[in-house]
Amino acid sequence: MNPGNLVRRKMYPDEVGLFMGMRTFKNSNLGDDYTCAEVMWFHTRAPNGDAVSTIQRNLIEVVDESR
């Protein structure tokens, strides 16, 4: 998956967006850092109103544009 790829949610395949990249959140205390995907969804916004939201990488897949 590369920035600029079209992606969709696996559970809701009609929700399509633009993959922006990966983002890592540093853990300030104990535990591991958390890395997730950033996606600009075309028809929805994040709960805080932002156009770009984060999602677990394993919950999205690249859209097969050859179909």
Protein backbone atom coordinates (compact mmCIF):
# COMPACT_ATOMS: atom_id res chain seq x y z
CA MET A 1 0.00 0.00 0.00
CA ASN A 2 1.43 3.34 -1.10
CA PRO A 3 0.33 6.94 -0.51
CA GLY A 4 -2.19 7.85 -3.19
CA ASN A 5 -3.74 4.37 -3.45
CA LEU A 6 -7.50 4.08 -3.31
CA VAL A 7 -8.52 1.99 -0.30
CA ARG A 8 -11.76 0.68 1.13
CA ARG A 9 -12.90 -0.64 4.47
CA LYS A 10 -13.08 -4.43 4.49
CA MET A 11 -16.34 -4.45 6.47
CA TYR A 12 -17.95 -1.65 4.41
CA PRO A 13 -16.54 -1.97 0.87
CA ASP A 14 -18.61 0.98 -0.41
CA GLU A 15 -16.59 3.34 1.81
CA VAL A 16 -13.64 4.40 -0.36
CA GLY A 17 -10.86 6.81 0.46
CA LEU A 18 -7.35 7.93 -0.39
CA PHE A 19 -4.48 6.35 1.57
CA MET A 20 -2.27 9.16 2.87
CA GLY A 21 0.40 7.13 4.69
CA MET A 22 1.23 5.52 8.00
CA ARG A 23 1.38 7.38 11.32
CA THR A 24 3.10 6.28 14.52
CA PHE A 25 1.93 7.43 17.92
CA LYS A 26 4.71 7.32 20.51
CA ASN A 27 3.82 5.72 23.81
CA SER A 28 4.74 8.14 26.60
CA ASN A 29 4.74 5.49 29.35
CA LEU A 30 4.92 1.73 29.10
CA GLY A 31 4.18 -0.41 26.08
CA ASP A 32 4.82 -0.23 22.37
CA ASP A 33 4.30 2.60 19.92
CA TYR A 34 1.14 2.34 17.80
CA THR A 35 1.25 2.62 14.00
CA CYS A 36 -1.92 3.04 11.95
CA ALA A 37 -3.01 4.16 8.49
CA GLU A 38 -4.23 7.67 7.67
CA VAL A 39 -7.04 7.83 5.11
CA MET A 40 -8.98 10.71 3.58
CA TRP A 41 -12.47 9.22 3.17
CA PHE A 42 -14.47 10.64 0.29
CA HIS A 43 -17.93 10.70 1.87
CA THR A 44 -17.30 10.85 5.61
CA ARG A 45 -15.25 12.83 8.09
CA ALA A 46 -13.53 11.90 11.31
CA PRO A 47 -15.55 12.38 14.53
CA ASN A 48 -13.62 15.62 15.19
CA GLY A 49 -14.49 16.95 11.71
CA ASP A 50 -11.09 16.40 10.08
CA ALA A 51 -10.97 15.16 6.49
CA VAL A 52 -8.21 12.64 7.35
CA SER A 53 -8.74 9.95 9.96
CA THR A 54 -6.75 7.03 11.32
CA ILE A 55 -7.68 3.37 11.00
CA GLN A 56 -6.00 0.06 11.77
CA ARG A 57 -4.02 -1.11 8.74
CA ASN A 58 -5.63 -4.56 8.81
CA LEU A 59 -9.14 -3.06 8.42
CA ILE A 60 -8.52 -1.60 4.95
CA GLU A 61 -7.44 -2.94 1.57
CA VAL A 62 -6.31 -1.43 -1.73
CA VAL A 63 -9.08 -1.08 -4.32
CA ASP A 64 -8.46 -3.22 -7.39
CA GLU A 65 -8.69 -0.57 -10.08
CA SER A 66 -8.64 -3.13 -12.90
CA ARG A 67 -12.24 -4.13 -12.18
